[in-house]
């Protein structure tokens, strides 16, 4: 059975993700029974699994190659962060929090700044190198509502003094610890590296919990328009990846995804800035639709492009 799942592009992540979304849509409280079952299968483990993956990825980073890592993936990270922030700021400046075509400023900012780092990790593990896999922790910053919080802090606080960088540090700490252990002794790398593939199915399942497919569909035309705009603007990542970094474009494609965690961004922003509370519900369903479409569709597209380029895969 596992062999059949592996024939599906990114199957060990996508199959649990899709099954989990279907299960949650039909019976959202199925695993809310407490104890180990709830801890492992209800979606409450997303943060823990992401932290473990960040730590594991850190053990793969050779500090002697850190300059090459920054050179290879740092520009993609910087471009994604800065470009998406500018787009979100420009959208809110032009159209206000109300937005246009049913897409609020909150929905736009929460979507455009996001990256599903699980898809990046899948791409790196399947078609990349050990060095590329180590960048998972770096891109993990973009899977949390760090950039939307910074953006709204600038919009409503009149400057950067109120910006909370705690989410950034919360990602960097396990990453740095992993780097330290991996470079102190290569045995730590050999111990933890295989765990990345082993834990991905659990990440897929936990991300799927909390994703109601009916609610995603209800976001309707605004959600589809937001998806189209996200893909169109973020396609510039492929150009950067291929023409500037001289890669094959697969990493640029992997970053054209929205994390399931980003469905929490509207509520988190509104908790700090009540001015946008009225937009939370609509923004959440729209972010959800973009997340489902990009997280399911992009790995399939990446696999097809990779096959055309005759790239080898490690088959997660």
C-alpha atoms as a PDB file:
ATOM      1  CA  UNK A   1       0.000   0.000   0.000  1.00  0.00           C
ATOM      2  CA  UNK A   2       2.825   2.400   0.870  1.00  0.00           C
ATOM      3  CA  UNK A   3       4.345   1.789  -2.555  1.00  0.00           C
ATOM      4  CA  UNK A   4       1.059   2.857  -4.187  1.00  0.00           C
ATOM      5  CA  UNK A   5       0.899   5.995  -2.069  1.00  0.00           C
ATOM      6  CA  UNK A   6       4.454   6.877  -3.065  1.00  0.00           C
ATOM      7  CA  UNK A   7       3.451   6.754  -6.729  1.00  0.00           C
ATOM      8  CA  UNK A   8       1.279   9.783  -6.035  1.00  0.00           C
ATOM      9  CA  UNK A   9       3.273  13.030  -6.195  1.00  0.00           C
ATOM     10  CA  UNK A  10       4.101  13.926  -2.583  1.00  0.00           C
ATOM     11  CA  UNK A  11       1.722  11.118  -1.640  1.00  0.00           C
ATOM     12  CA  UNK A  12       2.955  10.563   1.904  1.00  0.00           C
ATOM     13  CA  UNK A  13       1.939  14.141   2.703  1.00  0.00           C
ATOM     14  CA  UNK A  14      -1.020  14.690   0.372  1.00  0.00           C
ATOM     15  CA  UNK A  15      -2.911  11.440   0.964  1.00  0.00           C
ATOM     16  CA  UNK A  16      -3.107  11.964   4.759  1.00  0.00           C
ATOM     17  CA  UNK A  17      -3.913  15.638   4.147  1.00  0.00           C
ATOM     18  CA  UNK A  18      -6.848  14.903   1.836  1.00  0.00           C
ATOM     19  CA  UNK A  19      -8.193  12.052   3.984  1.00  0.00           C
ATOM     20  CA  UNK A  20      -7.941  14.289   7.035  1.00  0.00           C
ATOM     21  CA  UNK A  21      -9.833  17.140   5.347  1.00  0.00           C
ATOM     22  CA  UNK A  22     -12.622  14.773   4.287  1.00  0.00           C
ATOM     23  CA  UNK A  23     -12.802  13.258   7.774  1.00  0.00           C
ATOM     24  CA  UNK A  24     -12.904  16.665   9.439  1.00  0.00           C
ATOM     25  CA  UNK A  25     -15.592  17.925   7.071  1.00  0.00           C
ATOM     26  CA  UNK A  26     -17.843  14.938   7.831  1.00  0.00           C
ATOM     27  CA  UNK A  27     -17.052  14.512  11.535  1.00  0.00           C
ATOM     28  CA  UNK A  28     -15.040  17.427  12.970  1.00  0.00           C
ATOM     29  CA  UNK A  29     -15.056  16.135  16.567  1.00  0.00           C
ATOM     30  CA  UNK A  30     -14.127  12.546  15.773  1.00  0.00           C
ATOM     31  CA  UNK A  31     -10.759  12.657  17.543  1.00  0.00           C
ATOM     32  CA  UNK A  32     -11.693  15.116  20.292  1.00  0.00           C
ATOM     33  CA  UNK A  33     -11.762  12.429  22.963  1.00  0.00           C
ATOM     34  CA  UNK A  34      -8.774  13.540  24.989  1.00  0.00           C
ATOM     35  CA  UNK A  35      -5.570  11.698  25.728  1.00  0.00           C
ATOM     36  CA  UNK A  36      -3.080  10.514  23.147  1.00  0.00           C
ATOM     37  CA  UNK A  37      -5.656  10.173  20.367  1.00  0.00           C
ATOM     38  CA  UNK A  38      -6.630  13.838  20.524  1.00  0.00           C
ATOM     39  CA  UNK A  39      -3.016  14.922  20.902  1.00  0.00           C
ATOM     40  CA  UNK A  40      -1.899  13.018  17.803  1.00  0.00           C
ATOM     41  CA  UNK A  41      -4.850  13.134  15.402  1.00  0.00           C
ATOM     42  CA  UNK A  42      -6.992  16.203  16.181  1.00  0.00           C
ATOM     43  CA  UNK A  43      -4.748  18.829  14.612  1.00  0.00           C
ATOM     44  CA  UNK A  44      -3.347  19.999  17.923  1.00  0.00           C
ATOM     45  CA  UNK A  45       0.082  18.624  17.020  1.00  0.00           C
ATOM     46  CA  UNK A  46       0.747  20.955  14.076  1.00  0.00           C
ATOM     47  CA  UNK A  47       2.921  23.294  16.107  1.00  0.00           C
ATOM     48  CA  UNK A  48       4.844  20.457  17.724  1.00  0.00           C
ATOM     49  CA  UNK A  49       5.440  18.643  14.435  1.00  0.00           C
ATOM     50  CA  UNK A  50       6.536  21.869  12.742  1.00  0.00           C
ATOM     51  CA  UNK A  51       8.962  22.476  15.611  1.00  0.00           C
ATOM     52  CA  UNK A  52      10.367  18.946  15.322  1.00  0.00           C
ATOM     53  CA  UNK A  53      10.790  19.308  11.561  1.00  0.00           C
ATOM     54  CA  UNK A  54      12.534  22.639  12.060  1.00  0.00           C
ATOM     55  CA  UNK A  55      14.903  21.050  14.583  1.00  0.00           C
ATOM     56  CA  UNK A  56      15.556  18.029  12.339  1.00  0.00           C
ATOM     57  CA  UNK A  57      16.205  20.323   9.368  1.00  0.00           C
ATOM     58  CA  UNK A  58      18.666  22.321  11.447  1.00  0.00           C
ATOM     59  CA  UNK A  59      20.798  19.215  11.989  1.00  0.00           C
ATOM     60  CA  UNK A  60      21.257  19.044   8.209  1.00  0.00           C
ATOM     61  CA  UNK A  61      22.830  22.496   7.980  1.00  0.00           C
ATOM     62  CA  UNK A  62      26.605  22.461   7.764  1.00  0.00           C
ATOM     63  CA  UNK A  63      27.794  25.818   9.093  1.00  0.00           C
ATOM     64  CA  UNK A  64      30.668  25.614   6.638  1.00  0.00           C
ATOM     65  CA  UNK A  65      28.047  25.650   3.889  1.00  0.00           C
ATOM     66  CA  UNK A  66      25.896  28.342   5.493  1.00  0.00           C
ATOM     67  CA  UNK A  67      27.055  30.927   3.006  1.00  0.00           C
ATOM     68  CA  UNK A  68      26.020  28.656   0.135  1.00  0.00           C
ATOM     69  CA  UNK A  69      22.625  28.064   1.783  1.00  0.00           C
ATOM     70  CA  UNK A  70      21.970  31.780   2.092  1.00  0.00           C
ATOM     71  CA  UNK A  71      23.154  32.321  -1.454  1.00  0.00           C
ATOM     72  CA  UNK A  72      21.007  29.478  -2.793  1.00  0.00           C
ATOM     73  CA  UNK A  73      17.789  30.014  -0.833  1.00  0.00           C
ATOM     74  CA  UNK A  74      18.247  33.284   1.064  1.00  0.00           C
ATOM     75  CA  UNK A  75      17.346  35.428  -1.931  1.00  0.00           C
ATOM     76  CA  UNK A  76      14.119  33.477  -2.461  1.00  0.00           C
ATOM     77  CA  UNK A  77      13.202  33.992   1.182  1.00  0.00           C
ATOM     78  CA  UNK A  78      14.031  37.700   1.102  1.00  0.00           C
ATOM     79  CA  UNK A  79      12.167  38.259  -2.165  1.00  0.00           C
ATOM     80  CA  UNK A  80       9.075  36.403  -0.975  1.00  0.00           C
ATOM     81  CA  UNK A  81       9.004  38.309   2.322  1.00  0.00           C
ATOM     82  CA  UNK A  82       9.624  41.789   0.942  1.00  0.00           C
ATOM     83  CA  UNK A  83       7.565  41.431  -2.254  1.00  0.00           C
ATOM     84  CA  UNK A  84       4.528  39.999  -0.456  1.00  0.00           C
ATOM     85  CA  UNK A  85       4.678  42.700   2.218  1.00  0.00           C
ATOM     86  CA  UNK A  86       4.794  45.413  -0.429  1.00  0.00           C
ATOM     87  CA  UNK A  87       1.853  43.849  -2.279  1.00  0.00           C
ATOM     88  CA  UNK A  88      -0.218  43.644   0.913  1.00  0.00           C
ATOM     89  CA  UNK A  89       0.658  47.193   1.917  1.00  0.00           C
ATOM     90  CA  UNK A  90      -0.175  48.491  -1.565  1.00  0.00           C
ATOM     91  CA  UNK A  91      -3.496  46.624  -1.655  1.00  0.00           C
ATOM     92  CA  UNK A  92      -4.617  48.063   1.684  1.00  0.00           C
ATOM     93  CA  UNK A  93      -3.368  51.531   0.722  1.00  0.00           C
ATOM     94  CA  UNK A  94      -5.344  51.484  -2.529  1.00  0.00           C
ATOM     95  CA  UNK A  95      -8.535  49.717  -1.465  1.00  0.00           C
ATOM     96  CA  UNK A  96      -8.619  49.978   2.316  1.00  0.00           C
ATOM     97  CA  UNK A  97      -9.572  47.163   4.649  1.00  0.00           C
ATOM     98  CA  UNK A  98     -12.805  46.665   2.700  1.00  0.00           C
ATOM     99  CA  UNK A  99     -10.839  45.711  -0.394  1.00  0.00           C
ATOM    100  CA  UNK A 100     -12.413  44.963  -3.756  1.00  0.00           C
ATOM    101  CA  UNK A 101     -14.295  42.048  -5.316  1.00  0.00           C
ATOM    102  CA  UNK A 102     -15.093  40.693  -1.870  1.00  0.00           C
ATOM    103  CA  UNK A 103     -11.412  40.305  -0.914  1.00  0.00           C
ATOM    104  CA  UNK A 104     -10.660  42.248   2.249  1.00  0.00           C
ATOM    105  CA  UNK A 105      -7.265  43.652   3.083  1.00  0.00           C
ATOM    106  CA  UNK A 106      -7.015  41.110   5.894  1.00  0.00           C
ATOM    107  CA  UNK A 107      -7.663  38.171   3.545  1.00  0.00           C
ATOM    108  CA  UNK A 108      -5.184  39.529   1.030  1.00  0.00           C
ATOM    109  CA  UNK A 109      -2.403  40.093   3.570  1.00  0.00           C
ATOM    110  CA  UNK A 110      -2.918  36.714   5.250  1.00  0.00           C
ATOM    111  CA  UNK A 111      -2.712  34.912   1.911  1.00  0.00           C
ATOM    112  CA  UNK A 112      -0.043  36.736  -0.019  1.00  0.00           C
ATOM    113  CA  UNK A 113       2.554  36.572   2.769  1.00  0.00           C
ATOM    114  CA  UNK A 114       2.123  32.851   3.424  1.00  0.00           C
ATOM    115  CA  UNK A 115       4.147  29.798   2.370  1.00  0.00           C
ATOM    116  CA  UNK A 116       3.325  26.145   2.996  1.00  0.00           C
ATOM    117  CA  UNK A 117       6.761  25.023   4.115  1.00  0.00           C
ATOM    118  CA  UNK A 118       5.690  21.397   4.034  1.00  0.00           C
ATOM    119  CA  UNK A 119       5.523  21.632   0.238  1.00  0.00           C
ATOM    120  CA  UNK A 120       8.977  23.210   0.161  1.00  0.00           C
ATOM    121  CA  UNK A 121      10.296  20.388   2.320  1.00  0.00           C
ATOM    122  CA  UNK A 122       8.697  17.788   0.049  1.00  0.00           C
ATOM    123  CA  UNK A 123      10.330  19.392  -2.960  1.00  0.00           C
ATOM    124  CA  UNK A 124      13.738  19.611  -1.300  1.00  0.00           C
ATOM    125  CA  UNK A 125      13.608  16.020  -0.069  1.00  0.00           C
ATOM    126  CA  UNK A 126      12.449  14.676  -3.429  1.00  0.00           C
ATOM    127  CA  UNK A 127      14.506  16.691  -5.896  1.00  0.00           C
ATOM    128  CA  UNK A 128      17.047  18.706  -3.928  1.00  0.00           C
ATOM    129  CA  UNK A 129      20.066  18.333  -1.731  1.00  0.00           C
ATOM    130  CA  UNK A 130      20.784  18.090   1.973  1.00  0.00           C
ATOM    131  CA  UNK A 131      21.610  21.799   1.887  1.00  0.00           C
ATOM    132  CA  UNK A 132      18.214  22.669   0.404  1.00  0.00           C
ATOM    133  CA  UNK A 133      16.393  20.614   3.019  1.00  0.00           C
ATOM    134  CA  UNK A 134      18.130  22.593   5.725  1.00  0.00           C
ATOM    135  CA  UNK A 135      16.366  25.767   4.570  1.00  0.00           C
ATOM    136  CA  UNK A 136      13.024  24.426   5.855  1.00  0.00           C
ATOM    137  CA  UNK A 137      13.448  26.283   9.134  1.00  0.00           C
ATOM    138  CA  UNK A 138      14.190  29.534   7.323  1.00  0.00           C
ATOM    139  CA  UNK A 139      11.006  29.391   5.260  1.00  0.00           C
ATOM    140  CA  UNK A 140       9.086  28.262   8.344  1.00  0.00           C
ATOM    141  CA  UNK A 141       8.983  31.901   9.401  1.00  0.00           C
ATOM    142  CA  UNK A 142       6.597  32.532   6.512  1.00  0.00           C
ATOM    143  CA  UNK A 143       4.162  29.804   7.548  1.00  0.00           C
ATOM    144  CA  UNK A 144       3.245  31.743  10.696  1.00  0.00           C
ATOM    145  CA  UNK A 145       1.379  35.074  10.810  1.00  0.00           C
ATOM    146  CA  UNK A 146       4.635  36.940  11.420  1.00  0.00           C
ATOM    147  CA  UNK A 147       4.473  39.188   8.358  1.00  0.00           C
ATOM    148  CA  UNK A 148       0.762  40.109   8.723  1.00  0.00           C
ATOM    149  CA  UNK A 149       1.375  41.068  12.350  1.00  0.00           C
ATOM    150  CA  UNK A 150       4.346  43.217  11.339  1.00  0.00           C
ATOM    151  CA  UNK A 151       2.317  44.816   8.522  1.00  0.00           C
ATOM    152  CA  UNK A 152      -0.617  45.726  10.746  1.00  0.00           C
ATOM    153  CA  UNK A 153       1.740  46.925  13.449  1.00  0.00           C
ATOM    154  CA  UNK A 154       3.165  49.368  10.940  1.00  0.00           C
ATOM    155  CA  UNK A 155      -0.293  50.371   9.706  1.00  0.00           C
ATOM    156  CA  UNK A 156      -1.894  50.932  13.090  1.00  0.00           C
ATOM    157  CA  UNK A 157       0.979  51.555  15.481  1.00  0.00           C
ATOM    158  CA  UNK A 158       2.719  54.289  13.543  1.00  0.00           C
ATOM    159  CA  UNK A 159       6.059  52.519  13.489  1.00  0.00           C
ATOM    160  CA  UNK A 160       7.990  49.423  14.375  1.00  0.00           C
ATOM    161  CA  UNK A 161       8.197  49.933  18.158  1.00  0.00           C
ATOM    162  CA  UNK A 162       5.128  47.743  18.730  1.00  0.00           C
ATOM    163  CA  UNK A 163       6.240  44.883  16.488  1.00  0.00           C
ATOM    164  CA  UNK A 164       6.359  41.560  18.318  1.00  0.00           C
ATOM    165  CA  UNK A 165       9.205  39.425  17.003  1.00  0.00           C
ATOM    166  CA  UNK A 166       8.508  36.559  19.382  1.00  0.00           C
ATOM    167  CA  UNK A 167       7.106  34.324  16.578  1.00  0.00           C
ATOM    168  CA  UNK A 168      10.355  34.744  14.657  1.00  0.00           C
ATOM    169  CA  UNK A 169      12.456  33.739  17.650  1.00  0.00           C
ATOM    170  CA  UNK A 170      10.124  30.806  18.341  1.00  0.00           C
ATOM    171  CA  UNK A 171      11.150  29.354  14.971  1.00  0.00           C
ATOM    172  CA  UNK A 172      14.820  30.267  15.112  1.00  0.00           C
ATOM    173  CA  UNK A 173      15.472  28.635  18.502  1.00  0.00           C
ATOM    174  CA  UNK A 174      14.769  24.993  17.469  1.00  0.00           C
ATOM    175  CA  UNK A 175      16.518  25.641  14.158  1.00  0.00           C
ATOM    176  CA  UNK A 176      19.655  26.963  15.861  1.00  0.00           C
ATOM    177  CA  UNK A 177      19.673  24.123  18.380  1.00  0.00           C
ATOM    178  CA  UNK A 178      19.497  21.654  15.516  1.00  0.00           C
ATOM    179  CA  UNK A 179      22.364  23.385  13.751  1.00  0.00           C
ATOM    180  CA  UNK A 180      24.488  23.254  16.908  1.00  0.00           C
ATOM    181  CA  UNK A 181      23.919  19.549  17.503  1.00  0.00           C
ATOM    182  CA  UNK A 182      24.351  18.613  13.846  1.00  0.00           C
ATOM    183  CA  UNK A 183      27.686  20.392  13.683  1.00  0.00           C
ATOM    184  CA  UNK A 184      28.957  19.140  17.039  1.00  0.00           C
ATOM    185  CA  UNK A 185      28.583  15.536  15.969  1.00  0.00           C
ATOM    186  CA  UNK A 186      27.561  14.108  12.573  1.00  0.00           C
ATOM    187  CA  UNK A 187      25.923  11.221  14.402  1.00  0.00           C
ATOM    188  CA  UNK A 188      23.118  13.595  15.367  1.00  0.00           C
ATOM    189  CA  UNK A 189      22.486  14.283  11.695  1.00  0.00           C
ATOM    190  CA  UNK A 190      22.353  10.575  10.945  1.00  0.00           C
ATOM    191  CA  UNK A 191      19.985  10.086  13.878  1.00  0.00           C
ATOM    192  CA  UNK A 192      17.489  12.846  13.119  1.00  0.00           C
ATOM    193  CA  UNK A 193      17.563  13.206   9.311  1.00  0.00           C
ATOM    194  CA  UNK A 194      15.461  10.079   8.570  1.00  0.00           C
ATOM    195  CA  UNK A 195      12.792  11.428  10.901  1.00  0.00           C
ATOM    196  CA  UNK A 196      11.855  14.124   8.391  1.00  0.00           C
ATOM    197  CA  UNK A 197      10.301  11.622   5.990  1.00  0.00           C
ATOM    198  CA  UNK A 198       8.745   9.602   8.812  1.00  0.00           C
ATOM    199  CA  UNK A 199       6.911  12.535  10.369  1.00  0.00           C
ATOM    200  CA  UNK A 200       5.530  14.106   7.170  1.00  0.00           C
ATOM    201  CA  UNK A 201       2.375  11.922   7.058  1.00  0.00           C
ATOM    202  CA  UNK A 202       1.504  13.118  10.570  1.00  0.00           C
ATOM    203  CA  UNK A 203       2.019  16.714   9.471  1.00  0.00           C
ATOM    204  CA  UNK A 204      -0.295  16.169   6.505  1.00  0.00           C
ATOM    205  CA  UNK A 205      -2.996  14.681   8.734  1.00  0.00           C
ATOM    206  CA  UNK A 206      -2.775  17.395  11.371  1.00  0.00           C
ATOM    207  CA  UNK A 207      -2.854  20.203   8.805  1.00  0.00           C
ATOM    208  CA  UNK A 208      -5.985  18.640   7.319  1.00  0.00           C
ATOM    209  CA  UNK A 209      -7.759  18.733  10.672  1.00  0.00           C
ATOM    210  CA  UNK A 210      -9.516  22.062  10.863  1.00  0.00           C
ATOM    211  CA  UNK A 211      -9.939  22.334   7.074  1.00  0.00           C
ATOM    212  CA  UNK A 212     -13.644  22.155   6.277  1.00  0.00           C
ATOM    213  CA  UNK A 213     -13.999  21.607   2.542  1.00  0.00           C
ATOM    214  CA  UNK A 214     -17.570  22.920   2.528  1.00  0.00           C
ATOM    215  CA  UNK A 215     -16.475  26.199   4.120  1.00  0.00           C
ATOM    216  CA  UNK A 216     -13.656  26.462   1.596  1.00  0.00           C
ATOM    217  CA  UNK A 217     -16.097  26.053  -1.285  1.00  0.00           C
ATOM    218  CA  UNK A 218     -18.401  28.660   0.242  1.00  0.00           C
ATOM    219  CA  UNK A 219     -15.704  31.293  -0.141  1.00  0.00           C
ATOM    220  CA  UNK A 220     -16.750  31.138  -3.770  1.00  0.00           C
ATOM    221  CA  UNK A 221     -15.632  33.599  -6.410  1.00  0.00           C
ATOM    222  CA  UNK A 222     -13.590  35.881  -4.104  1.00  0.00           C
ATOM    223  CA  UNK A 223     -11.564  32.875  -2.950  1.00  0.00           C
ATOM    224  CA  UNK A 224     -10.944  31.762  -6.525  1.00  0.00           C
ATOM    225  CA  UNK A 225      -9.946  35.288  -7.555  1.00  0.00           C
ATOM    226  CA  UNK A 226      -7.572  35.487  -4.598  1.00  0.00           C
ATOM    227  CA  UNK A 227      -6.071  32.134  -5.607  1.00  0.00           C
ATOM    228  CA  UNK A 228      -5.559  33.310  -9.169  1.00  0.00           C
ATOM    229  CA  UNK A 229      -3.931  36.568  -8.082  1.00  0.00           C
ATOM    230  CA  UNK A 230      -1.695  34.740  -5.603  1.00  0.00           C
ATOM    231  CA  UNK A 231      -0.461  32.312  -8.264  1.00  0.00           C
ATOM    232  CA  UNK A 232      -0.001  35.072 -10.843  1.00  0.00           C
ATOM    233  CA  UNK A 233       2.070  37.362  -8.619  1.00  0.00           C
ATOM    234  CA  UNK A 234       4.060  34.612  -6.899  1.00  0.00           C
ATOM    235  CA  UNK A 235       4.987  33.076 -10.275  1.00  0.00           C
ATOM    236  CA  UNK A 236       7.751  35.677 -10.292  1.00  0.00           C
ATOM    237  CA  UNK A 237       9.473  33.376  -7.788  1.00  0.00           C
ATOM    238  CA  UNK A 238       9.977  30.880 -10.606  1.00  0.00           C
ATOM    239  CA  UNK A 239      11.616  33.551 -12.744  1.00  0.00           C
ATOM    240  CA  UNK A 240      13.921  34.491  -9.879  1.00  0.00           C
ATOM    241  CA  UNK A 241      14.739  30.857  -9.116  1.00  0.00           C
ATOM    242  CA  UNK A 242      15.578  30.014 -12.721  1.00  0.00           C
ATOM    243  CA  UNK A 243      17.074  33.172 -14.177  1.00  0.00           C
ATOM    244  CA  UNK A 244      18.884  34.662 -11.183  1.00  0.00           C
ATOM    245  CA  UNK A 245      19.716  31.687  -8.972  1.00  0.00           C
ATOM    246  CA  UNK A 246      20.167  29.345 -11.961  1.00  0.00           C
ATOM    247  CA  UNK A 247      18.061  26.596 -10.338  1.00  0.00           C
ATOM    248  CA  UNK A 248      15.349  24.600 -12.082  1.00  0.00           C
ATOM    249  CA  UNK A 249      12.421  26.651 -10.759  1.00  0.00           C
ATOM    250  CA  UNK A 250      10.997  23.911  -8.553  1.00  0.00           C
ATOM    251  CA  UNK A 251      11.697  25.801  -5.333  1.00  0.00           C
ATOM    252  CA  UNK A 252      10.021  28.894  -6.718  1.00  0.00           C
ATOM    253  CA  UNK A 253       6.979  26.758  -7.461  1.00  0.00           C
ATOM    254  CA  UNK A 254       7.064  25.205  -3.983  1.00  0.00           C
ATOM    255  CA  UNK A 255       6.829  28.685  -2.467  1.00  0.00           C
ATOM    256  CA  UNK A 256       3.667  29.393  -4.488  1.00  0.00           C
ATOM    257  CA  UNK A 257       1.601  27.763  -1.741  1.00  0.00           C
ATOM    258  CA  UNK A 258      -0.373  28.899   1.289  1.00  0.00           C
ATOM    259  CA  UNK A 259      -0.008  27.166   4.651  1.00  0.00           C
ATOM    260  CA  UNK A 260      -3.007  25.685   6.407  1.00  0.00           C
ATOM    261  CA  UNK A 261      -1.726  27.469   9.502  1.00  0.00           C
ATOM    262  CA  UNK A 262      -2.434  30.767   7.753  1.00  0.00           C
ATOM    263  CA  UNK A 263      -6.166  30.228   8.256  1.00  0.00           C
ATOM    264  CA  UNK A 264      -5.463  31.356  11.809  1.00  0.00           C
ATOM    265  CA  UNK A 265      -3.806  34.587  10.668  1.00  0.00           C
ATOM    266  CA  UNK A 266      -6.993  36.707  10.350  1.00  0.00           C
ATOM    267  CA  UNK A 267      -8.108  35.857  13.895  1.00  0.00           C
ATOM    268  CA  UNK A 268      -4.625  36.410  15.329  1.00  0.00           C
ATOM    269  CA  UNK A 269      -4.322  39.798  13.643  1.00  0.00           C
ATOM    270  CA  UNK A 270      -7.805  40.801  14.772  1.00  0.00           C
ATOM    271  CA  UNK A 271      -7.003  39.823  18.362  1.00  0.00           C
ATOM    272  CA  UNK A 272      -4.323  42.508  18.339  1.00  0.00           C
ATOM    273  CA  UNK A 273      -6.080  44.965  16.036  1.00  0.00           C
ATOM    274  CA  UNK A 274      -9.882  44.911  16.650  1.00  0.00           C
ATOM    275  CA  UNK A 275     -10.352  47.331  13.742  1.00  0.00           C
ATOM    276  CA  UNK A 276     -10.378  44.346  11.353  1.00  0.00           C
ATOM    277  CA  UNK A 277     -12.589  42.011  13.424  1.00  0.00           C
ATOM    278  CA  UNK A 278     -15.505  42.261  10.980  1.00  0.00           C
ATOM    279  CA  UNK A 279     -13.384  40.784   8.177  1.00  0.00           C
ATOM    280  CA  UNK A 280     -12.149  37.702  10.043  1.00  0.00           C
ATOM    281  CA  UNK A 281     -14.847  35.235   8.991  1.00  0.00           C
ATOM    282  CA  UNK A 282     -14.695  35.964   5.265  1.00  0.00           C
ATOM    283  CA  UNK A 283     -10.908  36.182   5.279  1.00  0.00           C
ATOM    284  CA  UNK A 284     -10.558  32.825   7.023  1.00  0.00           C
ATOM    285  CA  UNK A 285     -12.651  30.935   4.450  1.00  0.00           C
ATOM    286  CA  UNK A 286     -10.835  32.611   1.556  1.00  0.00           C
ATOM    287  CA  UNK A 287      -7.403  31.776   2.958  1.00  0.00           C
ATOM    288  CA  UNK A 288      -8.635  28.239   3.497  1.00  0.00           C
ATOM    289  CA  UNK A 289      -9.634  27.837  -0.157  1.00  0.00           C
ATOM    290  CA  UNK A 290      -6.300  29.173  -1.416  1.00  0.00           C
ATOM    291  CA  UNK A 291      -4.496  26.842   0.975  1.00  0.00           C
ATOM    292  CA  UNK A 292      -6.413  23.777  -0.203  1.00  0.00           C
ATOM    293  CA  UNK A 293      -5.992  24.537  -3.901  1.00  0.00           C
ATOM    294  CA  UNK A 294      -2.287  25.371  -3.753  1.00  0.00           C
ATOM    295  CA  UNK A 295      -1.278  22.701  -1.232  1.00  0.00           C
ATOM    296  CA  UNK A 296      -2.951  19.928  -3.208  1.00  0.00           C
ATOM    297  CA  UNK A 297      -2.307  21.194  -6.720  1.00  0.00           C
ATOM    298  CA  UNK A 298       1.248  22.505  -6.580  1.00  0.00           C
ATOM    299  CA  UNK A 299       2.993  19.235  -5.588  1.00  0.00           C
ATOM    300  CA  UNK A 300       1.338  17.531  -8.543  1.00  0.00           C
ATOM    301  CA  UNK A 301       2.501  20.276 -10.893  1.00  0.00           C
ATOM    302  CA  UNK A 302       6.024  20.164  -9.434  1.00  0.00           C
ATOM    303  CA  UNK A 303       6.206  16.391  -9.931  1.00  0.00           C
ATOM    304  CA  UNK A 304       5.106  16.675 -13.556  1.00  0.00           C
ATOM    305  CA  UNK A 305       7.624  19.430 -14.273  1.00  0.00           C
ATOM    306  CA  UNK A 306      10.350  17.390 -12.561  1.00  0.00           C
ATOM    307  CA  UNK A 307       9.514  14.348 -14.682  1.00  0.00           C
ATOM    308  CA  UNK A 308       9.817  16.406 -17.838  1.00  0.00           C
ATOM    309  CA  UNK A 309      13.237  17.518 -16.638  1.00  0.00           C
ATOM    310  CA  UNK A 310      14.084  13.883 -15.831  1.00  0.00           C
ATOM    311  CA  UNK A 311      14.936  14.808 -12.249  1.00  0.00           C
ATOM    312  CA  UNK A 312      15.485  11.961  -9.813  1.00  0.00           C
ATOM    313  CA  UNK A 313      13.329  11.691  -6.728  1.00  0.00           C
ATOM    314  CA  UNK A 314      14.048  10.197  -3.345  1.00  0.00           C
ATOM    315  CA  UNK A 315      10.379   9.160  -3.046  1.00  0.00           C
ATOM    316  CA  UNK A 316       9.228  10.252   0.354  1.00  0.00           C
END
